[in-house]
Amino acid sequence: MFKEHEQIVLTAEVLGDEGEALKPGDVGTLIHIHPDKEAAVVEFLSLDGSTVALATVLPAQMRPVTGADLTHARTVTMAV
């Protein structure tokens, strides 16, 4: 199903590990899939490559990126 280093799209609101509000449509990269495959750690980056959030995401909260997906930008508050 999902593989590490694959990009995913959120399908539900998710809180990052530090409380960041992630929204459906946000794109992240799978950096770790738990051995039981019941959750994965996903890194979300800004367009300049800065880490915005790390989040534990359930399979039902994400889907693979497809060729029909379009990049879209939204502004988030970054921790200093």
N, C-alpha and C. Protein backbone atom coordinates (compact mmCIF):
# COMPACT_ATOMS: atom_id res chain seq x y z
N MET A 1 0.84 -1.19 0.00
CA MET A 1 0.00 0.00 0.00
C MET A 1 0.88 1.25 0.00
N PHE A 2 1.31 1.72 1.16
CA PHE A 2 2.19 2.88 1.23
C PHE A 2 3.63 2.41 1.44
N LYS A 3 4.59 3.21 0.93
CA LYS A 3 6.00 2.89 1.11
C LYS A 3 6.72 4.11 1.70
N GLU A 4 7.77 3.85 2.48
CA GLU A 4 8.57 4.96 3.02
C GLU A 4 9.14 5.78 1.86
N HIS A 5 9.22 7.08 2.08
CA HIS A 5 9.73 8.09 1.15
C HIS A 5 8.73 8.44 0.04
N GLU A 6 7.54 7.85 0.10
CA GLU A 6 6.49 8.16 -0.85
C GLU A 6 5.75 9.41 -0.37
N GLN A 7 5.28 10.22 -1.31
CA GLN A 7 4.47 11.38 -0.93
C GLN A 7 3.02 10.94 -0.77
N ILE A 8 2.35 11.59 0.19
CA ILE A 8 0.93 11.33 0.45
C ILE A 8 0.19 12.66 0.51
N VAL A 9 -1.13 12.57 0.42
CA VAL A 9 -2.01 13.73 0.57
C VAL A 9 -2.93 13.43 1.75
N LEU A 10 -3.05 14.39 2.67
CA LEU A 10 -3.98 14.20 3.78
C LEU A 10 -5.42 14.25 3.27
N THR A 11 -6.26 13.39 3.83
CA THR A 11 -7.69 13.38 3.51
C THR A 11 -8.54 13.85 4.68
N ALA A 12 -7.88 14.17 5.80
CA ALA A 12 -8.57 14.61 7.02
C ALA A 12 -7.65 15.58 7.76
N GLU A 13 -8.24 16.36 8.66
CA GLU A 13 -7.42 17.22 9.52
C GLU A 13 -6.62 16.36 10.47
N VAL A 14 -5.36 16.74 10.68
CA VAL A 14 -4.44 16.01 11.55
C VAL A 14 -3.66 17.03 12.35
N LEU A 15 -3.38 16.72 13.61
CA LEU A 15 -2.50 17.57 14.40
C LEU A 15 -1.09 17.02 14.32
N GLY A 16 -0.13 17.92 14.08
CA GLY A 16 1.27 17.53 14.09
C GLY A 16 1.70 17.21 15.51
N ASP A 17 2.87 16.62 15.65
CA ASP A 17 3.39 16.22 16.96
C ASP A 17 3.55 17.40 17.91
N GLU A 18 3.71 18.60 17.37
CA GLU A 18 3.85 19.80 18.20
C GLU A 18 2.57 20.64 18.18
N GLY A 19 1.46 20.06 17.72
CA GLY A 19 0.17 20.75 17.71
C GLY A 19 -0.13 21.53 16.45
N GLU A 20 0.68 21.38 15.40
CA GLU A 20 0.45 22.10 14.15
C GLU A 20 -0.84 21.60 13.51
N ALA A 21 -1.63 22.51 12.97
CA ALA A 21 -2.89 22.15 12.32
C ALA A 21 -2.64 21.84 10.85
N LEU A 22 -2.75 20.58 10.50
CA LEU A 22 -2.58 20.15 9.12
C LEU A 22 -3.95 19.90 8.53
N LYS A 23 -4.11 20.21 7.26
CA LYS A 23 -5.43 20.20 6.63
C LYS A 23 -5.50 19.22 5.47
N PRO A 24 -6.72 18.76 5.15
CA PRO A 24 -6.87 17.92 3.97
C PRO A 24 -6.27 18.61 2.75
N GLY A 25 -5.55 17.86 1.96
CA GLY A 25 -4.88 18.43 0.79
C GLY A 25 -3.41 18.72 1.03
N ASP A 26 -2.99 18.83 2.30
CA ASP A 26 -1.57 19.04 2.58
C ASP A 26 -0.79 17.80 2.14
N VAL A 27 0.37 18.03 1.56
CA VAL A 27 1.20 16.94 1.02
C VAL A 27 2.39 16.73 1.94
N GLY A 28 2.68 15.48 2.26
CA GLY A 28 3.82 15.16 3.10
C GLY A 28 4.54 13.94 2.55
N THR A 29 5.67 13.62 3.19
CA THR A 29 6.48 12.46 2.79
C THR A 29 6.52 11.47 3.94
N LEU A 30 6.23 10.21 3.64
CA LEU A 30 6.30 9.16 4.65
C LEU A 30 7.76 8.93 5.04
N ILE A 31 8.06 9.12 6.31
CA ILE A 31 9.45 8.89 6.74
C ILE A 31 9.58 7.64 7.59
N HIS A 32 8.46 7.11 8.07
CA HIS A 32 8.50 5.85 8.83
C HIS A 32 7.11 5.24 8.84
N ILE A 33 7.04 3.95 8.54
CA ILE A 33 5.79 3.21 8.65
C ILE A 33 5.93 2.26 9.83
N HIS A 34 5.03 2.36 10.79
CA HIS A 34 5.09 1.49 11.96
C HIS A 34 4.99 0.03 11.52
N PRO A 35 5.70 -0.87 12.21
CA PRO A 35 5.72 -2.29 11.81
C PRO A 35 4.33 -2.91 11.64
N ASP A 36 3.36 -2.48 12.44
CA ASP A 36 2.01 -3.03 12.33
C ASP A 36 1.21 -2.39 11.19
N LYS A 37 1.81 -1.40 10.53
CA LYS A 37 1.20 -0.66 9.41
C LYS A 37 -0.09 0.06 9.79
N GLU A 38 -0.30 0.26 11.10
CA GLU A 38 -1.51 0.95 11.55
C GLU A 38 -1.34 2.46 11.57
N ALA A 39 -0.11 2.96 11.39
CA ALA A 39 0.14 4.39 11.36
C ALA A 39 1.50 4.63 10.71
N ALA A 40 1.72 5.88 10.32
CA ALA A 40 2.99 6.26 9.72
C ALA A 40 3.38 7.64 10.21
N VAL A 41 4.68 7.90 10.24
CA VAL A 41 5.18 9.24 10.55
C VAL A 41 5.39 9.95 9.22
N VAL A 42 4.81 11.13 9.11
CA VAL A 42 4.86 11.90 7.86
C VAL A 42 5.51 13.25 8.15
N GLU A 43 6.42 13.68 7.27
CA GLU A 43 7.06 14.99 7.38
C GLU A 43 6.39 15.92 6.37
N PHE A 44 6.03 17.09 6.84
CA PHE A 44 5.43 18.12 5.99
C PHE A 44 6.42 19.27 5.86
N LEU A 45 6.72 19.64 4.61
CA LEU A 45 7.72 20.67 4.33
C LEU A 45 7.07 21.89 3.70
N SER A 46 7.70 23.05 3.95
CA SER A 46 7.31 24.25 3.21
C SER A 46 7.92 24.14 1.81
N LEU A 47 7.52 25.02 0.90
CA LEU A 47 8.04 24.94 -0.46
C LEU A 47 9.53 25.27 -0.55
N ASP A 48 10.10 25.89 0.50
CA ASP A 48 11.56 26.14 0.49
C ASP A 48 12.34 25.02 1.16
N GLY A 49 11.65 23.95 1.57
CA GLY A 49 12.31 22.78 2.14
C GLY A 49 12.42 22.75 3.65
N SER A 50 11.87 23.73 4.35
CA SER A 50 11.89 23.74 5.81
C SER A 50 10.81 22.80 6.36
N THR A 51 11.14 22.07 7.41
CA THR A 51 10.15 21.19 8.04
C THR A 51 9.10 22.04 8.74
N VAL A 52 7.85 21.83 8.41
CA VAL A 52 6.73 22.52 9.06
C VAL A 52 6.19 21.67 10.19
N ALA A 53 6.11 20.34 9.98
CA ALA A 53 5.54 19.47 11.00
C ALA A 53 5.93 18.02 10.73
N LEU A 54 5.97 17.28 11.82
CA LEU A 54 6.00 15.82 11.79
C LEU A 54 4.69 15.38 12.41
N ALA A 55 4.06 14.37 11.84
CA ALA A 55 2.78 13.92 12.36
C ALA A 55 2.64 12.42 12.20
N THR A 56 1.98 11.81 13.16
CA THR A 56 1.61 10.40 13.05
C THR A 56 0.24 10.36 12.38
N VAL A 57 0.17 9.67 11.25
CA VAL A 57 -1.03 9.68 10.41
C VAL A 57 -1.53 8.26 10.22
N LEU A 58 -2.82 8.07 10.34
CA LEU A 58 -3.46 6.77 10.11
C LEU A 58 -3.69 6.57 8.61
N PRO A 59 -3.69 5.34 8.14
CA PRO A 59 -3.93 5.09 6.71
C PRO A 59 -5.24 5.72 6.21
N ALA A 60 -6.27 5.75 7.03
CA ALA A 60 -7.56 6.33 6.62
C ALA A 60 -7.49 7.85 6.48
N GLN A 61 -6.42 8.48 6.96
CA GLN A 61 -6.28 9.93 6.91
C GLN A 61 -5.39 10.40 5.76
N MET A 62 -4.97 9.46 4.89
CA MET A 62 -4.08 9.84 3.80
C MET A 62 -4.37 8.99 2.57
N ARG A 63 -3.88 9.49 1.45
CA ARG A 63 -3.97 8.75 0.19
C ARG A 63 -2.69 9.02 -0.61
N PRO A 64 -2.39 8.16 -1.56
CA PRO A 64 -1.21 8.41 -2.39
C PRO A 64 -1.41 9.64 -3.28
N VAL A 65 -0.32 10.26 -3.67
CA VAL A 65 -0.35 11.35 -4.65
C VAL A 65 -0.66 10.73 -6.01
N THR A 66 -1.44 11.44 -6.82
CA THR A 66 -1.75 10.96 -8.18
C THR A 66 -1.33 12.00 -9.20
N GLY A 67 -1.34 11.60 -10.46
CA GLY A 67 -1.01 12.52 -11.55
C GLY A 67 -2.03 13.62 -11.73
N ALA A 68 -3.20 13.49 -11.12
CA ALA A 68 -4.25 14.50 -11.23
C ALA A 68 -4.15 15.55 -10.13
N ASP A 69 -3.19 15.40 -9.18
CA ASP A 69 -3.05 16.35 -8.07
C ASP A 69 -2.30 17.60 -8.52
N LEU A 70 -2.71 18.74 -7.98
CA LEU A 70 -2.12 20.03 -8.30
C LEU A 70 -1.49 20.61 -7.05
N THR A 71 -0.28 21.17 -7.17
CA THR A 71 0.35 21.83 -6.03
C THR A 71 -0.41 23.11 -5.72
N HIS A 72 -0.63 23.34 -4.43
CA HIS A 72 -1.35 24.54 -3.96
C HIS A 72 -0.62 25.03 -2.72
N ALA A 73 -0.53 26.33 -2.54
CA ALA A 73 0.17 26.87 -1.37
C ALA A 73 -0.81 27.51 -0.40
N ARG A 74 -0.52 27.33 0.89
CA ARG A 74 -1.21 28.06 1.96
C ARG A 74 -0.15 28.47 2.96
N THR A 75 -0.36 29.57 3.64
CA THR A 75 0.60 30.08 4.58
C THR A 75 0.33 29.51 5.97
N VAL A 76 1.39 29.08 6.64
CA VAL A 76 1.28 28.57 8.01
C VAL A 76 2.23 29.35 8.90
N THR A 77 1.93 29.38 10.18
CA THR A 77 2.82 30.02 11.15
C THR A 77 3.92 29.04 11.51
N MET A 78 5.16 29.45 11.33
CA MET A 78 6.30 28.58 11.61
C MET A 78 6.86 28.93 12.98
N ALA A 79 7.25 27.89 13.73
CA ALA A 79 7.92 28.11 15.01
C ALA A 79 9.29 28.68 14.77
N VAL A 80 9.75 29.55 15.65
CA VAL A 80 11.07 30.17 15.48
C VAL A 80 12.12 29.38 16.22
